């Protein structure tokens, strides 16, 4: 199926395309990763919507997807926000955050962001063996603030008058795309990871958008074990070009 009557300048912006040298896969031991990148200095919401719906991801001004040799384990998944089914534990997470303040705004950079980001990653290094080094303000700016244009947002979670969680998202023409979430491990009892995703679903409902783009699923990967808990979902195999409609299929992995 071919996409017709689109503005080609919006769907094919000026970009620099390249791929990185292979590096160790964080999801499958002994595998190597190669990423295909498109650097877009001035991306439109229409372009971002088109490529995210085809399995790409965004960090800063970089859009990317894997092109690993001999491996096709990264599958894109999205939540149907129009027919979402809350579980009992998810409703408890909502109640636990009754007093958590939420602010949605353009992505920003403050010392509170940097401190919280580094605290979270130091915690994940101790508990899950994540590689960790403190992020600089320049790196944070490039990864999470630059490239947001008019569609990138941050959702701030505030408790006891301090920042305890930051959720980076894109609000697209057809849904919300999850980019990255980090939180204060001292507030682990609030289940902020779950709550932040439930808020994305709520936000999609307010904006009348059907999908939450969750990024990739790799079967057997611990880091993605939470994703099938948010149903109903659809899954996409591969990364079709913009000229072709993506073929999402209903998926229930439990």
Protein backbone atom coordinates (compact mmCIF):
# COMPACT_ATOMS: atom_id res chain seq x y z
CA UNK A 1 0.00 0.00 0.00
CA UNK A 2 1.48 3.37 -1.04
CA UNK A 3 1.08 6.58 0.93
CA UNK A 4 -0.48 9.20 -1.37
CA UNK A 5 -0.94 12.98 -1.26
CA UNK A 6 1.70 13.59 1.41
CA UNK A 7 3.91 16.67 1.58
CA UNK A 8 7.27 15.21 0.54
CA UNK A 9 9.23 18.03 2.16
CA UNK A 10 7.70 17.08 5.51
CA UNK A 11 8.07 13.32 5.07
CA UNK A 12 11.56 13.52 3.57
CA UNK A 13 13.35 16.38 5.36
CA UNK A 14 16.97 17.28 4.80
CA UNK A 15 18.96 14.73 6.77
CA UNK A 16 22.31 13.03 7.23
CA UNK A 17 22.12 9.23 7.13
CA UNK A 18 24.75 6.92 8.61
CA UNK A 19 25.22 3.72 10.62
CA UNK A 20 27.43 3.05 13.63
CA UNK A 21 30.07 0.34 13.90
CA UNK A 22 28.83 -2.82 15.59
CA UNK A 23 28.82 -2.86 19.38
CA UNK A 24 27.72 -5.30 22.10
CA UNK A 25 23.97 -5.84 22.35
CA UNK A 26 22.43 -4.91 25.69
CA UNK A 27 19.47 -7.23 25.11
CA UNK A 28 20.91 -10.50 23.74
CA UNK A 29 24.24 -11.71 25.17
CA UNK A 30 26.97 -12.36 22.58
CA UNK A 31 25.05 -10.49 19.87
CA UNK A 32 26.23 -7.34 18.12
CA UNK A 33 24.15 -4.24 17.33
CA UNK A 34 24.29 -1.97 14.33
CA UNK A 35 22.04 1.09 14.23
CA UNK A 36 20.88 3.04 11.20
CA UNK A 37 20.64 6.76 11.99
CA UNK A 38 19.01 9.74 10.36
CA UNK A 39 20.09 13.11 11.73
CA UNK A 40 17.27 15.61 11.14
CA UNK A 41 17.94 19.15 12.30
CA UNK A 42 14.42 20.37 11.59
CA UNK A 43 11.96 17.47 11.86
CA UNK A 44 8.21 18.03 11.55
CA UNK A 45 5.56 16.28 13.59
CA UNK A 46 4.32 14.66 10.37
CA UNK A 47 7.75 13.16 9.69
CA UNK A 48 8.15 11.98 13.30
CA UNK A 49 4.69 10.39 13.19
CA UNK A 50 5.48 8.57 9.94
CA UNK A 51 8.78 7.05 11.05
CA UNK A 52 7.74 6.21 14.64
CA UNK A 53 4.75 4.33 13.20
CA UNK A 54 7.28 2.34 11.15
CA UNK A 55 9.43 1.28 14.09
CA UNK A 56 11.95 4.10 14.36
CA UNK A 57 12.88 5.79 17.64
CA UNK A 58 14.07 9.34 18.45
CA UNK A 59 16.78 10.70 20.75
CA UNK A 60 17.44 14.40 20.30
CA UNK A 61 17.75 15.16 16.58
CA UNK A 62 18.56 11.53 15.76
CA UNK A 63 15.99 9.04 14.45
CA UNK A 64 17.17 5.44 14.36
CA UNK A 65 16.36 1.74 14.14
CA UNK A 66 18.48 -1.44 14.31
CA UNK A 67 19.91 -3.10 11.18
CA UNK A 68 21.71 -5.94 12.93
CA UNK A 69 23.36 -8.61 10.81
CA UNK A 70 21.51 -11.91 11.09
CA UNK A 71 19.12 -10.74 13.83
CA UNK A 72 15.53 -9.47 13.71
CA UNK A 73 14.56 -9.83 17.37
CA UNK A 74 13.63 -6.16 17.99
CA UNK A 75 9.90 -5.86 17.36
CA UNK A 76 8.01 -2.59 17.77
CA UNK A 77 4.96 -2.57 20.03
CA UNK A 78 2.20 -0.07 20.73
CA UNK A 79 -0.68 0.09 23.21
CA UNK A 80 -4.26 0.65 22.09
CA UNK A 81 -5.16 3.61 24.29
CA UNK A 82 -8.77 3.68 23.10
CA UNK A 83 -9.61 0.30 24.65
CA UNK A 84 -7.17 0.08 27.54
CA UNK A 85 -7.73 -2.53 30.26
CA UNK A 86 -6.46 -1.50 33.71
CA UNK A 87 -5.22 -4.30 35.96
CA UNK A 88 -5.76 -4.37 39.71
CA UNK A 89 -2.11 -3.54 40.43
CA UNK A 90 -2.19 -0.64 37.97
CA UNK A 91 -5.19 0.87 39.73
CA UNK A 92 -3.25 0.60 42.99
CA UNK A 93 -0.34 2.50 41.40
CA UNK A 94 -2.74 5.28 40.43
CA UNK A 95 -4.08 5.49 43.99
CA UNK A 96 -0.56 5.56 45.45
CA UNK A 97 0.15 8.66 43.38
CA UNK A 98 -2.95 10.59 44.33
CA UNK A 99 -0.73 13.33 45.80
CA UNK A 100 1.96 13.27 43.11
CA UNK A 101 2.01 16.51 41.14
CA UNK A 102 2.30 16.29 37.34
CA UNK A 103 3.56 19.03 35.01
CA UNK A 104 3.64 18.66 31.21
CA UNK A 105 5.89 21.12 29.41
CA UNK A 106 8.60 21.51 26.79
CA UNK A 107 11.76 19.53 27.62
CA UNK A 108 14.10 21.50 29.87
CA UNK A 109 17.44 21.19 31.59
CA UNK A 110 18.19 21.98 35.22
CA UNK A 111 20.57 20.72 37.86
CA UNK A 112 17.63 18.77 39.32
CA UNK A 113 17.32 16.88 36.02
CA UNK A 114 21.03 16.01 35.96
CA UNK A 115 21.14 14.98 39.62
CA UNK A 116 18.07 12.76 39.31
CA UNK A 117 19.22 11.18 36.04
CA UNK A 118 22.62 10.27 37.51
CA UNK A 119 21.09 9.01 40.77
CA UNK A 120 18.74 6.72 38.85
CA UNK A 121 21.50 5.29 36.64
CA UNK A 122 23.84 4.74 39.58
CA UNK A 123 21.01 2.78 41.23
CA UNK A 124 20.44 0.68 38.08
CA UNK A 125 24.18 0.02 37.93
CA UNK A 126 24.09 -1.44 41.44
CA UNK A 127 20.87 -3.42 41.05
CA UNK A 128 20.83 -4.50 37.40
CA UNK A 129 24.41 -4.11 36.25
CA UNK A 130 23.75 -1.23 33.85
CA UNK A 131 26.83 0.51 32.51
CA UNK A 132 26.99 3.92 34.13
CA UNK A 133 28.86 7.18 34.02
CA UNK A 134 27.45 10.53 34.98
CA UNK A 135 25.81 12.41 32.14
CA UNK A 136 26.95 15.95 31.38
CA UNK A 137 24.66 18.90 30.77
CA UNK A 138 25.75 18.96 27.11
CA UNK A 139 24.87 15.27 26.65
CA UNK A 140 21.52 15.70 28.35
CA UNK A 141 20.74 18.72 26.18
CA UNK A 142 21.57 16.81 23.00
CA UNK A 143 19.68 13.63 23.99
CA UNK A 144 16.53 14.97 25.62
CA UNK A 145 16.05 18.68 24.89
CA UNK A 146 17.30 19.30 21.35
CA UNK A 147 15.09 18.04 18.55
CA UNK A 148 11.85 18.30 20.51
CA UNK A 149 10.48 21.04 18.23
CA UNK A 150 6.72 21.41 18.76
CA UNK A 151 5.97 17.75 19.53
CA UNK A 152 8.50 16.70 22.18
CA UNK A 153 7.41 17.10 25.82
CA UNK A 154 8.53 16.19 29.30
CA UNK A 155 6.23 15.03 32.08
CA UNK A 156 7.58 16.02 35.49
CA UNK A 157 6.57 14.11 38.63
CA UNK A 158 6.90 16.09 41.85
CA UNK A 159 6.50 14.89 45.44
CA UNK A 160 7.49 16.54 48.71
CA UNK A 161 8.33 19.65 46.66
CA UNK A 162 11.08 17.87 44.74
CA UNK A 163 11.49 16.32 41.30
CA UNK A 164 11.14 12.53 41.56
CA UNK A 165 10.50 11.49 37.95
CA UNK A 166 10.95 12.69 34.38
CA UNK A 167 9.18 11.14 31.40
CA UNK A 168 10.32 12.23 27.92
CA UNK A 169 7.65 11.74 25.25
CA UNK A 170 6.65 12.82 21.75
CA UNK A 171 3.05 13.79 21.12
CA UNK A 172 2.46 12.74 17.51
CA UNK A 173 -0.47 12.95 15.11
CA UNK A 174 -1.68 9.47 16.05
CA UNK A 175 -0.34 8.85 19.52
CA UNK A 176 2.23 9.31 22.25
CA UNK A 177 5.74 7.92 21.75
CA UNK A 178 7.67 6.94 24.87
CA UNK A 179 11.29 8.10 24.68
CA UNK A 180 12.79 7.70 28.14
CA UNK A 181 11.78 7.67 31.80
CA UNK A 182 13.89 7.96 34.94
CA UNK A 183 12.94 8.35 38.58
CA UNK A 184 14.18 8.68 42.15
CA UNK A 185 14.76 5.16 43.57
CA UNK A 186 13.95 6.53 47.03
CA UNK A 187 10.33 6.66 45.82
CA UNK A 188 10.22 3.14 44.40
CA UNK A 189 7.12 2.43 46.50
CA UNK A 190 5.10 4.71 44.20
CA UNK A 191 5.65 2.44 41.15
CA UNK A 192 6.47 5.50 39.08
CA UNK A 193 7.46 3.49 36.00
CA UNK A 194 3.99 1.98 35.84
CA UNK A 195 2.28 5.22 36.80
CA UNK A 196 4.10 7.25 34.14
CA UNK A 197 2.94 4.91 31.41
CA UNK A 198 -0.61 4.95 32.73
CA UNK A 199 -0.47 8.74 32.61
CA UNK A 200 0.60 8.55 28.97
CA UNK A 201 -2.52 6.48 28.32
CA UNK A 202 -4.64 9.06 30.15
CA UNK A 203 -3.01 11.88 28.19
CA UNK A 204 -3.66 10.08 24.90
CA UNK A 205 -7.33 9.84 25.89
CA UNK A 206 -7.50 13.57 26.66
CA UNK A 207 -5.91 14.36 23.28
CA UNK A 208 -8.05 11.73 21.48
CA UNK A 209 -5.00 9.86 20.21
CA UNK A 210 -5.25 6.08 19.71
CA UNK A 211 -1.71 4.77 20.32
CA UNK A 212 1.13 4.66 22.84
CA UNK A 213 4.35 3.72 21.02
CA UNK A 214 6.40 1.70 23.50
CA UNK A 215 9.57 1.08 21.51
CA UNK A 216 11.02 -2.39 21.13
CA UNK A 217 10.25 -5.82 22.49
CA UNK A 218 12.91 -8.54 22.62
CA UNK A 219 11.65 -11.91 23.80
CA UNK A 220 13.42 -13.03 26.99
CA UNK A 221 14.94 -9.62 27.75
CA UNK A 222 14.42 -8.66 31.41
CA UNK A 223 14.44 -4.93 30.64
CA UNK A 224 11.26 -5.32 28.55
CA UNK A 225 9.38 -7.70 30.86
CA UNK A 226 6.97 -4.95 31.97
CA UNK A 227 5.74 -4.07 28.48
CA UNK A 228 3.24 -6.93 27.88
CA UNK A 229 1.43 -5.95 31.08
CA UNK A 230 -0.21 -3.03 29.24
CA UNK A 231 -2.97 -4.43 27.05
CA UNK A 232 -4.34 -4.42 24.39
CA UNK A 233 -1.29 -4.12 22.13
CA UNK A 234 -0.16 -4.42 18.55
CA UNK A 235 3.24 -5.53 17.20
CA UNK A 236 5.18 -4.58 14.08
CA UNK A 237 7.80 -6.77 12.41
CA UNK A 238 10.46 -4.86 10.50
CA UNK A 239 10.89 -1.22 9.49
CA UNK A 240 8.89 -0.47 6.33
CA UNK A 241 9.76 2.61 4.23
CA UNK A 242 7.57 5.71 4.40
CA UNK A 243 6.09 4.86 0.99
CA UNK A 244 4.53 1.71 2.50
CA UNK A 245 1.86 1.44 5.20
CA UNK A 246 3.10 -0.39 8.32
CA UNK A 247 1.32 -3.70 9.02
CA UNK A 248 0.64 -3.75 12.75
CA UNK A 249 -0.93 -6.92 14.17
CA UNK A 250 -2.82 -7.62 17.40
CA UNK A 251 -0.46 -9.05 20.01
CA UNK A 252 -1.06 -10.50 23.47
CA UNK A 253 2.20 -11.73 25.02
CA UNK A 254 1.54 -12.76 28.62
